[in-house]
C-alpha cells in the first residue's frame, strides 16, 4: 500500500530522497500532461516536470501545501518552468532564424492557432489561475492558497481569463465560417 501525500511530504521534509521519488511516481503523469498542454515540445515538457521536482526538493522548507499535498505547488512550478523554457526556446529559434539557411533546407511551419495558443497568450497570472481551477479542477480557495493570493483575486483573474478566451474562441469560430 502506497503512502499518501502528507506522509510522503513529512519524509521529504526530513530529507528522505526515496519519499521524493514516491511523490514523483504519484504526480509525474499529471504534471507531464499539464506541461504538454503548455509547451510545443514533449522533451521540454519532461524538462519542466524535472525542474519542478528539483525545485520542490530545494525549497522543501518553504513549499505551500494544499490539503497536505504539494501538487498545486508543483503544477504552478511546472507552469513557470514551461514559460521559461518557451522563452529560451524562442530566443534559440530567433538565433537559428538569423543563421544562413542552405538552399535545400525544408521550411518548418509552427502553427500557433487554436485554443492552446489562446491559453498561452493569457497573462501568466491569469494562466496559473485558469490552469489550477479549470483544467486541474481545484476549488478557488485551494488555488488562492497555492498561489499565495486572496480568494477575490483568484475569482477576478479567472473571470478575466475566461472572458479573454471566450473572445478569442469566438473570433476563431468566425474565421472558420
Protein backbone atom coordinates (compact mmCIF):
# COMPACT_ATOMS: atom_id res chain seq x y z
CA UNK A 1 0.00 0.00 0.00
CA UNK A 2 1.47 3.34 -1.00
CA UNK A 3 1.74 6.29 1.35
CA UNK A 4 -0.43 9.36 0.93
CA UNK A 5 0.97 12.81 0.15
CA UNK A 6 1.13 14.09 3.77
CA UNK A 7 3.13 11.03 4.88
CA UNK A 8 5.49 11.28 1.91
CA UNK A 9 5.84 15.03 2.40
CA UNK A 10 6.78 14.57 6.03
CA UNK A 11 9.58 12.23 4.93
CA UNK A 12 10.68 14.66 2.16
CA UNK A 13 10.92 17.48 4.70
CA UNK A 14 13.16 15.20 6.78
CA UNK A 15 15.47 14.77 3.75
CA UNK A 16 14.30 11.34 2.54
CA UNK A 17 15.03 11.18 -1.18
CA UNK A 18 13.02 7.96 -1.63
CA UNK A 19 9.92 9.85 -0.46
CA UNK A 20 10.57 12.42 -3.19
CA UNK A 21 10.71 9.53 -5.65
CA UNK A 22 7.34 8.38 -4.29
CA UNK A 23 5.84 11.83 -4.93
CA UNK A 24 7.38 11.83 -8.39
CA UNK A 25 5.86 8.44 -9.23
CA UNK A 26 2.47 9.58 -7.97
CA UNK A 27 2.28 13.01 -9.66
CA UNK A 28 4.56 12.87 -12.72
CA UNK A 29 1.88 11.71 -15.20
CA UNK A 30 -0.47 14.57 -14.27
CA UNK A 31 2.32 17.14 -14.27
CA UNK A 32 3.56 15.90 -17.63
CA UNK A 33 0.06 16.25 -19.16
CA UNK A 34 -0.07 19.78 -17.76
CA UNK A 35 3.36 20.63 -19.24
CA UNK A 36 2.44 19.17 -22.64
CA UNK A 37 -0.57 21.49 -22.77
CA UNK A 38 1.72 24.48 -22.23
CA UNK A 39 4.68 23.55 -24.43
CA UNK A 40 5.11 22.58 -28.04
CA UNK A 41 7.86 20.04 -27.34
CA UNK A 42 7.41 16.82 -25.33
CA UNK A 43 11.09 16.98 -24.36
CA UNK A 44 10.59 20.47 -22.94
CA UNK A 45 7.55 19.15 -21.05
CA UNK A 46 9.73 16.45 -19.46
CA UNK A 47 12.28 19.12 -18.55
CA UNK A 48 9.60 21.32 -16.96
CA UNK A 49 8.47 18.43 -14.74
CA UNK A 50 12.05 17.60 -13.78
CA UNK A 51 12.76 21.23 -12.91
CA UNK A 52 9.64 21.34 -10.74
CA UNK A 53 10.79 18.33 -8.71
CA UNK A 54 14.32 19.74 -8.33
CA UNK A 55 12.76 22.96 -7.05
CA UNK A 56 10.45 21.01 -4.73
CA UNK A 57 13.46 19.34 -3.16
CA UNK A 58 15.47 22.55 -3.00
CA UNK A 59 12.64 24.59 -1.47
CA UNK A 60 11.06 21.86 0.66
CA UNK A 61 11.23 24.01 3.78
CA UNK A 62 9.04 26.76 2.28
CA UNK A 63 6.65 24.95 -0.10
CA UNK A 64 2.97 25.77 0.44
CA UNK A 65 0.81 22.66 0.64
CA UNK A 66 -2.92 22.40 -0.10
CA UNK A 67 -4.66 19.71 1.94
CA UNK A 68 -1.25 18.24 2.73
CA UNK A 69 -0.27 17.86 -0.93
CA UNK A 70 2.46 19.65 -2.87
CA UNK A 71 0.61 19.00 -6.17
CA UNK A 72 -0.80 22.55 -6.61
CA UNK A 73 2.67 23.98 -5.91
CA UNK A 74 4.15 21.55 -8.43
CA UNK A 75 1.53 22.48 -11.06
CA UNK A 76 2.34 26.15 -10.64
CA UNK A 77 6.09 25.48 -10.75
CA UNK A 78 5.68 23.41 -13.93
CA UNK A 79 3.81 26.35 -15.48
CA UNK A 80 6.61 28.77 -14.53
CA UNK A 81 9.25 26.37 -15.84
CA UNK A 82 7.27 25.91 -19.06
CA UNK A 83 7.17 29.67 -19.61
CA UNK A 84 10.92 29.92 -19.01
CA UNK A 85 11.63 27.03 -21.38
CA UNK A 86 9.32 28.52 -24.02
CA UNK A 87 11.04 31.91 -23.69
CA UNK A 88 14.52 30.41 -24.01
CA UNK A 89 13.27 28.32 -26.95
CA UNK A 90 12.07 31.47 -28.70
CA UNK A 91 15.47 33.09 -28.21
CA UNK A 92 17.16 29.98 -29.57
CA UNK A 93 14.82 29.83 -32.59
CA UNK A 94 15.43 33.55 -33.26
CA UNK A 95 19.16 32.87 -33.25
CA UNK A 96 18.71 29.92 -35.62
CA UNK A 97 16.48 32.03 -37.89
CA UNK A 98 19.32 34.53 -38.29
CA UNK A 99 21.75 31.79 -39.32
CA UNK A 100 22.32 31.23 -43.03
CA UNK A 101 19.96 28.60 -44.48
CA UNK A 102 21.16 26.15 -47.13
CA UNK A 103 19.12 26.21 -50.34
CA UNK A 104 17.83 22.66 -49.93
CA UNK A 105 16.50 23.12 -46.36
CA UNK A 106 12.81 22.39 -45.87
CA UNK A 107 10.65 25.11 -44.35
CA UNK A 108 9.33 24.31 -40.89
CA UNK A 109 5.89 25.64 -40.06
CA UNK A 110 4.74 26.26 -36.50
CA UNK A 111 1.01 26.51 -36.11
CA UNK A 112 0.20 28.70 -33.12
CA UNK A 113 -3.54 28.92 -33.67
CA UNK A 114 -6.39 27.49 -31.65
CA UNK A 115 -7.35 27.14 -28.03
CA UNK A 116 -3.92 26.17 -26.68
CA UNK A 117 -2.37 29.19 -28.38
CA UNK A 118 -5.08 31.39 -26.84
CA UNK A 119 -4.27 29.88 -23.43
CA UNK A 120 -0.57 30.60 -23.94
CA UNK A 121 -1.37 34.24 -24.79
CA UNK A 122 -3.01 34.84 -21.41
CA UNK A 123 -1.05 36.76 -18.81
CA UNK A 124 0.92 34.25 -16.70
CA UNK A 125 -1.05 35.16 -13.55
CA UNK A 126 -4.36 34.55 -15.32
CA UNK A 127 -2.99 31.39 -16.90
CA UNK A 128 -1.95 29.99 -13.49
CA UNK A 129 -5.38 30.58 -12.00
CA UNK A 130 -7.17 29.13 -15.04
CA UNK A 131 -4.99 26.02 -15.11
CA UNK A 132 -5.40 25.30 -11.40
CA UNK A 133 -9.16 25.91 -11.26
CA UNK A 134 -10.49 24.91 -14.68
CA UNK A 135 -8.01 22.42 -16.14
CA UNK A 136 -6.92 20.79 -12.87
CA UNK A 137 -10.24 21.21 -11.04
CA UNK A 138 -9.03 22.77 -7.81
CA UNK A 139 -11.54 24.88 -5.87
CA UNK A 140 -10.91 28.63 -5.99
CA UNK A 141 -9.93 28.64 -2.32
CA UNK A 142 -7.23 25.98 -2.85
CA UNK A 143 -5.87 27.81 -5.89
CA UNK A 144 -5.66 31.01 -3.84
CA UNK A 145 -3.76 29.17 -1.12
CA UNK A 146 -1.38 27.51 -3.61
CA UNK A 147 -0.65 30.81 -5.38
CA UNK A 148 -0.48 32.83 -2.16
CA UNK A 149 -3.12 35.35 -3.27
CA UNK A 150 -6.55 36.36 -1.90
CA UNK A 151 -9.64 34.41 -2.96
CA UNK A 152 -11.12 37.53 -4.60
CA UNK A 153 -8.02 37.89 -6.76
CA UNK A 154 -8.41 34.30 -7.96
CA UNK A 155 -12.04 34.97 -8.88
CA UNK A 156 -11.28 38.20 -10.76
CA UNK A 157 -8.32 36.71 -12.65
CA UNK A 158 -10.42 33.68 -13.55
CA UNK A 159 -13.25 35.88 -14.84
CA UNK A 160 -10.80 37.93 -16.95
CA UNK A 161 -9.12 34.81 -18.33
CA UNK A 162 -12.44 33.21 -19.27
CA UNK A 163 -13.61 36.41 -20.96
CA UNK A 164 -10.38 36.67 -22.98
CA UNK A 165 -10.57 33.02 -24.03
CA UNK A 166 -14.26 33.36 -24.94
CA UNK A 167 -13.47 36.37 -27.15
CA UNK A 168 -10.56 34.60 -28.85
CA UNK A 169 -12.53 31.41 -29.45
CA UNK A 170 -15.46 33.38 -30.83
CA UNK A 171 -13.07 35.14 -33.21
CA UNK A 172 -11.61 31.78 -34.23
CA UNK A 173 -15.05 30.32 -34.90
CA UNK A 174 -15.99 33.31 -37.06
CA UNK A 175 -12.82 32.92 -39.10
CA UNK A 176 -13.74 29.28 -39.80
CA UNK A 177 -17.16 30.20 -41.21
